Amino acid sequence: QVQVVESGGGLVQPGGSLRLSCAHSGTFFGFYIMAWYRQAPGKQRELVAAVTSGGITNYADFVKGRFTISRDNTENTMYLQMNSLKPEDTAVYYCKYNYRALDYWGQGTQVTVSS
């Protein structure tokens, strides 16, 4: 069973930055997709950003220019650098790996943007 663990959430003031990390315990060969989602209270989970094993990235419009997704294949880790944070970015952030038609989710990490 592949384990996925996020870290790096916390409380930050509007305009601040946070870096989320996500590590997995699996060994992936070939094509796979890594992604960050978020879910705010009372709302559906939504895609924030994704990156393929080949390095192609995709961002939701509401984070373009502010968030950056990256990966370190040697350490089985991906990151989400979040800058210029807004109160509406407050949510539980989840990472997910999609490999051979299976999804592996982390447990989520809380990000709160408030003064």
N, C-alpha and C. Protein backbone atom coordinates (compact mmCIF):
# COMPACT_ATOMS: atom_id res chain seq x y z
N GLN A 1 0.84 -1.18 0.00
CA GLN A 1 0.00 0.00 0.00
C GLN A 1 0.88 1.24 0.00
N VAL A 2 0.60 2.15 -0.92
CA VAL A 2 1.37 3.38 -1.00
C VAL A 2 0.89 4.36 0.05
N GLN A 3 1.79 4.88 0.83
CA GLN A 3 1.47 5.89 1.83
C GLN A 3 1.82 7.27 1.27
N VAL A 4 0.92 8.22 1.51
CA VAL A 4 1.12 9.59 1.05
C VAL A 4 0.95 10.51 2.24
N VAL A 5 1.90 11.38 2.47
CA VAL A 5 1.87 12.24 3.65
C VAL A 5 2.18 13.68 3.26
N GLU A 6 1.25 14.58 3.63
CA GLU A 6 1.48 16.01 3.41
C GLU A 6 2.04 16.65 4.68
N SER A 7 2.71 17.78 4.48
CA SER A 7 3.18 18.58 5.61
C SER A 7 3.34 20.02 5.16
N GLY A 8 3.47 20.91 6.13
CA GLY A 8 3.76 22.30 5.80
C GLY A 8 2.61 23.27 5.97
N GLY A 9 1.42 22.79 6.32
CA GLY A 9 0.31 23.70 6.51
C GLY A 9 0.48 24.54 7.76
N GLY A 10 -0.43 25.50 7.93
CA GLY A 10 -0.38 26.33 9.12
C GLY A 10 -1.18 27.59 8.95
N LEU A 11 -0.95 28.52 9.87
CA LEU A 11 -1.63 29.81 9.86
C LEU A 11 -0.69 30.86 9.29
N VAL A 12 -1.19 31.64 8.36
CA VAL A 12 -0.36 32.67 7.74
C VAL A 12 -1.24 33.90 7.51
N GLN A 13 -0.63 35.05 7.54
CA GLN A 13 -1.36 36.29 7.29
C GLN A 13 -1.59 36.49 5.79
N PRO A 14 -2.62 37.23 5.44
CA PRO A 14 -2.83 37.55 4.01
C PRO A 14 -1.59 38.18 3.41
N GLY A 15 -1.25 37.73 2.20
CA GLY A 15 -0.05 38.20 1.54
C GLY A 15 1.18 37.36 1.84
N GLY A 16 1.06 36.46 2.78
CA GLY A 16 2.19 35.63 3.18
C GLY A 16 2.37 34.41 2.27
N SER A 17 3.33 33.58 2.66
CA SER A 17 3.68 32.40 1.86
C SER A 17 3.75 31.15 2.74
N LEU A 18 3.50 30.03 2.11
CA LEU A 18 3.68 28.72 2.73
C LEU A 18 4.18 27.76 1.65
N ARG A 19 4.89 26.75 2.09
CA ARG A 19 5.33 25.69 1.18
C ARG A 19 4.83 24.36 1.72
N LEU A 20 4.00 23.70 0.94
CA LEU A 20 3.51 22.38 1.31
C LEU A 20 4.40 21.31 0.66
N SER A 21 4.56 20.22 1.38
CA SER A 21 5.32 19.08 0.86
C SER A 21 4.44 17.84 0.89
N CYS A 22 4.74 16.93 -0.02
CA CYS A 22 3.99 15.68 -0.09
C CYS A 22 4.95 14.57 -0.48
N ALA A 23 5.07 13.59 0.38
CA ALA A 23 5.96 12.47 0.13
C ALA A 23 5.16 11.18 -0.02
N HIS A 24 5.62 10.32 -0.88
CA HIS A 24 4.96 9.02 -1.03
C HIS A 24 5.97 7.90 -0.87
N SER A 25 5.45 6.73 -0.52
CA SER A 25 6.32 5.59 -0.22
C SER A 25 6.42 4.61 -1.37
N GLY A 26 5.74 4.90 -2.48
CA GLY A 26 5.72 3.95 -3.57
C GLY A 26 6.90 4.09 -4.52
N THR A 27 6.95 3.18 -5.46
CA THR A 27 7.93 3.23 -6.54
C THR A 27 7.15 3.24 -7.84
N PHE A 28 7.20 4.36 -8.54
CA PHE A 28 6.44 4.54 -9.74
C PHE A 28 7.35 4.48 -10.96
N PHE A 29 6.94 3.70 -11.95
CA PHE A 29 7.70 3.62 -13.20
C PHE A 29 6.83 4.17 -14.32
N GLY A 30 7.45 4.95 -15.19
CA GLY A 30 6.71 5.47 -16.31
C GLY A 30 5.87 6.66 -15.95
N PHE A 31 4.69 6.77 -16.57
CA PHE A 31 3.85 7.95 -16.47
C PHE A 31 3.02 7.95 -15.19
N TYR A 32 2.99 9.08 -14.51
CA TYR A 32 2.07 9.27 -13.40
C TYR A 32 1.82 10.76 -13.23
N ILE A 33 0.79 11.06 -12.49
CA ILE A 33 0.38 12.45 -12.27
C ILE A 33 0.37 12.75 -10.78
N MET A 34 0.89 13.89 -10.42
CA MET A 34 0.88 14.37 -9.04
C MET A 34 0.04 15.64 -9.00
N ALA A 35 -0.77 15.77 -7.97
CA ALA A 35 -1.67 16.92 -7.93
C ALA A 35 -1.95 17.36 -6.51
N TRP A 36 -2.28 18.64 -6.40
CA TRP A 36 -2.76 19.22 -5.14
C TRP A 36 -4.22 19.61 -5.33
N TYR A 37 -5.03 19.25 -4.34
CA TYR A 37 -6.43 19.65 -4.28
C TYR A 37 -6.63 20.41 -2.97
N ARG A 38 -7.77 21.07 -2.88
CA ARG A 38 -8.13 21.70 -1.62
C ARG A 38 -9.64 21.62 -1.42
N GLN A 39 -10.02 21.68 -0.16
CA GLN A 39 -11.43 21.64 0.18
C GLN A 39 -11.69 22.59 1.33
N ALA A 40 -12.49 23.60 1.05
CA ALA A 40 -12.89 24.56 2.08
C ALA A 40 -14.18 24.08 2.73
N PRO A 41 -14.46 24.52 3.95
CA PRO A 41 -15.69 24.10 4.62
C PRO A 41 -16.93 24.39 3.78
N GLY A 42 -17.77 23.38 3.61
CA GLY A 42 -19.00 23.54 2.87
C GLY A 42 -18.86 23.56 1.37
N LYS A 43 -17.65 23.33 0.89
CA LYS A 43 -17.40 23.36 -0.56
C LYS A 43 -16.86 22.03 -1.04
N GLN A 44 -16.95 21.81 -2.34
CA GLN A 44 -16.41 20.60 -2.91
C GLN A 44 -14.89 20.68 -3.04
N ARG A 45 -14.27 19.54 -3.06
CA ARG A 45 -12.83 19.48 -3.27
C ARG A 45 -12.55 19.93 -4.71
N GLU A 46 -11.51 20.75 -4.85
CA GLU A 46 -11.18 21.29 -6.17
C GLU A 46 -9.70 21.15 -6.47
N LEU A 47 -9.40 21.01 -7.74
CA LEU A 47 -8.02 20.89 -8.17
C LEU A 47 -7.33 22.24 -8.07
N VAL A 48 -6.13 22.23 -7.52
CA VAL A 48 -5.33 23.45 -7.40
C VAL A 48 -4.25 23.47 -8.47
N ALA A 49 -3.48 22.38 -8.54
CA ALA A 49 -2.39 22.31 -9.51
C ALA A 49 -2.00 20.85 -9.71
N ALA A 50 -1.42 20.57 -10.86
CA ALA A 50 -0.99 19.21 -11.15
C ALA A 50 0.29 19.25 -11.98
N VAL A 51 1.04 18.19 -11.87
CA VAL A 51 2.26 18.05 -12.69
C VAL A 51 2.41 16.58 -13.06
N THR A 52 2.79 16.34 -14.31
CA THR A 52 2.99 14.97 -14.74
C THR A 52 4.43 14.55 -14.45
N SER A 53 4.67 13.26 -14.55
CA SER A 53 6.02 12.75 -14.36
C SER A 53 6.98 13.33 -15.39
N GLY A 54 6.44 13.80 -16.53
CA GLY A 54 7.25 14.42 -17.56
C GLY A 54 7.48 15.90 -17.35
N GLY A 55 6.81 16.47 -16.33
CA GLY A 55 7.05 17.86 -16.00
C GLY A 55 6.03 18.85 -16.54
N ILE A 56 4.96 18.39 -17.13
CA ILE A 56 3.92 19.29 -17.63
C ILE A 56 3.04 19.71 -16.47
N THR A 57 2.84 21.02 -16.33
CA THR A 57 2.07 21.54 -15.21
C THR A 57 0.73 22.11 -15.66
N ASN A 58 -0.18 22.15 -14.71
CA ASN A 58 -1.50 22.71 -14.95
C ASN A 58 -1.96 23.37 -13.66
N TYR A 59 -2.52 24.58 -13.78
CA TYR A 59 -2.95 25.32 -12.60
C TYR A 59 -4.40 25.77 -12.74
N ALA A 60 -5.10 25.78 -11.62
CA ALA A 60 -6.42 26.40 -11.60
C ALA A 60 -6.24 27.90 -11.78
N ASP A 61 -7.22 28.53 -12.41
CA ASP A 61 -7.11 29.96 -12.70
C ASP A 61 -6.92 30.78 -11.42
N PHE A 62 -7.54 30.32 -10.32
CA PHE A 62 -7.51 31.13 -9.11
C PHE A 62 -6.14 31.11 -8.41
N VAL A 63 -5.20 30.30 -8.88
CA VAL A 63 -3.86 30.29 -8.26
C VAL A 63 -2.75 30.64 -9.25
N LYS A 64 -3.10 30.84 -10.50
CA LYS A 64 -2.06 31.14 -11.49
C LYS A 64 -1.32 32.41 -11.11
N GLY A 65 -0.01 32.32 -11.19
CA GLY A 65 0.84 33.45 -10.83
C GLY A 65 1.15 33.55 -9.36
N ARG A 66 0.48 32.76 -8.54
CA ARG A 66 0.72 32.80 -7.09
C ARG A 66 1.29 31.49 -6.56
N PHE A 67 0.85 30.37 -7.08
CA PHE A 67 1.28 29.05 -6.60
C PHE A 67 2.17 28.40 -7.65
N THR A 68 3.11 27.59 -7.16
CA THR A 68 3.98 26.83 -8.05
C THR A 68 4.09 25.39 -7.56
N ILE A 69 3.81 24.47 -8.46
CA ILE A 69 3.95 23.05 -8.13
C ILE A 69 5.29 22.57 -8.67
N SER A 70 5.94 21.73 -7.90
CA SER A 70 7.22 21.18 -8.35
C SER A 70 7.39 19.79 -7.77
N ARG A 71 8.39 19.09 -8.24
CA ARG A 71 8.60 17.72 -7.77
C ARG A 71 10.07 17.41 -7.68
N ASP A 72 10.40 16.48 -6.83
CA ASP A 72 11.76 15.97 -6.71
C ASP A 72 11.66 14.46 -6.82
N ASN A 73 11.88 13.96 -8.00
CA ASN A 73 11.69 12.54 -8.22
C ASN A 73 12.67 11.68 -7.42
N THR A 74 13.82 12.23 -7.13
CA THR A 74 14.81 11.45 -6.39
C THR A 74 14.40 11.23 -4.95
N GLU A 75 13.52 12.10 -4.45
CA GLU A 75 13.09 11.99 -3.06
C GLU A 75 11.62 11.62 -2.94
N ASN A 76 10.98 11.25 -4.08
CA ASN A 76 9.56 10.88 -4.06
C ASN A 76 8.71 11.96 -3.40
N THR A 77 9.00 13.20 -3.71
CA THR A 77 8.34 14.30 -3.04
C THR A 77 7.90 15.35 -4.05
N MET A 78 6.75 15.96 -3.76
CA MET A 78 6.34 17.11 -4.54
C MET A 78 6.01 18.25 -3.59
N TYR A 79 5.97 19.45 -4.15
CA TYR A 79 5.81 20.64 -3.34
C TYR A 79 4.75 21.56 -3.95
N LEU A 80 4.21 22.40 -3.10
CA LEU A 80 3.34 23.47 -3.56
C LEU A 80 3.80 24.75 -2.86
N GLN A 81 4.43 25.63 -3.61
CA GLN A 81 4.83 26.91 -3.07
C GLN A 81 3.67 27.88 -3.27
N MET A 82 3.20 28.42 -2.16
CA MET A 82 2.04 29.31 -2.20
C MET A 82 2.45 30.70 -1.75
N ASN A 83 2.35 31.65 -2.65
CA ASN A 83 2.68 33.04 -2.36
C ASN A 83 1.43 33.91 -2.47
N SER A 84 1.53 35.10 -1.93
CA SER A 84 0.43 36.06 -2.00
C SER A 84 -0.89 35.43 -1.57
N LEU A 85 -0.85 34.76 -0.46
CA LEU A 85 -2.03 34.02 0.02
C LEU A 85 -3.15 34.96 0.39
N LYS A 86 -4.37 34.49 0.14
CA LYS A 86 -5.58 35.25 0.40
C LYS A 86 -6.45 34.47 1.40
N PRO A 87 -7.33 35.17 2.10
CA PRO A 87 -8.23 34.45 3.02
C PRO A 87 -9.02 33.35 2.32
N GLU A 88 -9.36 33.54 1.07
CA GLU A 88 -10.12 32.53 0.35
C GLU A 88 -9.30 31.31 -0.03
N ASP A 89 -8.02 31.33 0.24
CA ASP A 89 -7.19 30.14 0.06
C ASP A 89 -7.26 29.20 1.27
N THR A 90 -7.95 29.63 2.30
CA THR A 90 -8.11 28.80 3.49
C THR A 90 -8.85 27.52 3.15
N ALA A 91 -8.24 26.39 3.47
CA ALA A 91 -8.81 25.08 3.12
C ALA A 91 -7.90 23.99 3.66
N VAL A 92 -8.40 22.77 3.59
CA VAL A 92 -7.53 21.61 3.79
C VAL A 92 -6.96 21.25 2.42
N TYR A 93 -5.65 21.15 2.36
CA TYR A 93 -4.97 20.84 1.11
C TYR A 93 -4.56 19.37 1.10
N TYR A 94 -4.90 18.71 0.00
CA TYR A 94 -4.59 17.30 -0.15
C TYR A 94 -3.68 17.09 -1.36
N CYS A 95 -2.79 16.15 -1.24
CA CYS A 95 -2.03 15.77 -2.43
C CYS A 95 -2.50 14.39 -2.88
N LYS A 96 -2.33 14.16 -4.15
CA LYS A 96 -2.76 12.90 -4.75
C LYS A 96 -1.79 12.47 -5.84
N TYR A 97 -1.51 11.19 -5.83
CA TYR A 97 -0.74 10.59 -6.92
C TYR A 97 -1.67 9.67 -7.70
N ASN A 98 -1.62 9.79 -9.00
CA ASN A 98 -2.39 8.90 -9.87
C ASN A 98 -1.40 8.07 -10.67
N TYR A 99 -1.46 6.75 -10.45
CA TYR A 99 -0.50 5.84 -11.09
C TYR A 99 -1.23 4.58 -11.50
N ARG A 100 -1.16 4.28 -12.77
CA ARG A 100 -1.82 3.09 -13.32
C ARG A 100 -3.28 3.01 -12.90
N ALA A 101 -3.98 4.12 -13.09
CA ALA A 101 -5.42 4.22 -12.87
C ALA A 101 -5.83 4.17 -11.41
N LEU A 102 -4.88 4.22 -10.51
CA LEU A 102 -5.19 4.24 -9.07
C LEU A 102 -4.81 5.60 -8.49
N ASP A 103 -5.64 6.06 -7.55
CA ASP A 103 -5.38 7.32 -6.85
C ASP A 103 -4.90 7.04 -5.44
N TYR A 104 -3.86 7.73 -5.05
CA TYR A 104 -3.32 7.62 -3.69
C TYR A 104 -3.38 9.02 -3.07
N TRP A 105 -4.18 9.13 -2.00
CA TRP A 105 -4.41 10.42 -1.37
C TRP A 105 -3.67 10.51 -0.04
N GLY A 106 -3.28 11.74 0.27
CA GLY A 106 -2.78 12.01 1.61
C GLY A 106 -3.93 12.35 2.53
N GLN A 107 -3.60 12.59 3.80
CA GLN A 107 -4.62 12.83 4.80
C GLN A 107 -5.04 14.29 4.87
N GLY A 108 -4.28 15.17 4.21
CA GLY A 108 -4.62 16.58 4.18
C GLY A 108 -3.86 17.39 5.22
N THR A 109 -3.64 18.64 4.89
CA THR A 109 -2.99 19.57 5.81
C THR A 109 -3.75 20.89 5.76
N GLN A 110 -4.02 21.46 6.93
CA GLN A 110 -4.83 22.67 7.03
C GLN A 110 -3.99 23.90 6.71
N VAL A 111 -4.52 24.74 5.84
CA VAL A 111 -3.94 26.05 5.56
C VAL A 111 -4.98 27.10 5.93
N THR A 112 -4.60 28.00 6.81
CA THR A 112 -5.50 29.06 7.24
C THR A 112 -4.84 30.41 6.97
N VAL A 113 -5.53 31.24 6.21
CA VAL A 113 -5.01 32.57 5.88
C VAL A 113 -5.90 33.60 6.59
N SER A 114 -5.33 34.22 7.59
CA SER A 114 -6.12 35.13 8.41
C SER A 114 -5.20 36.11 9.12
N SER A 115 -5.73 37.31 9.34
CA SER A 115 -4.97 38.30 10.10
C SER A 115 -5.36 38.25 11.57
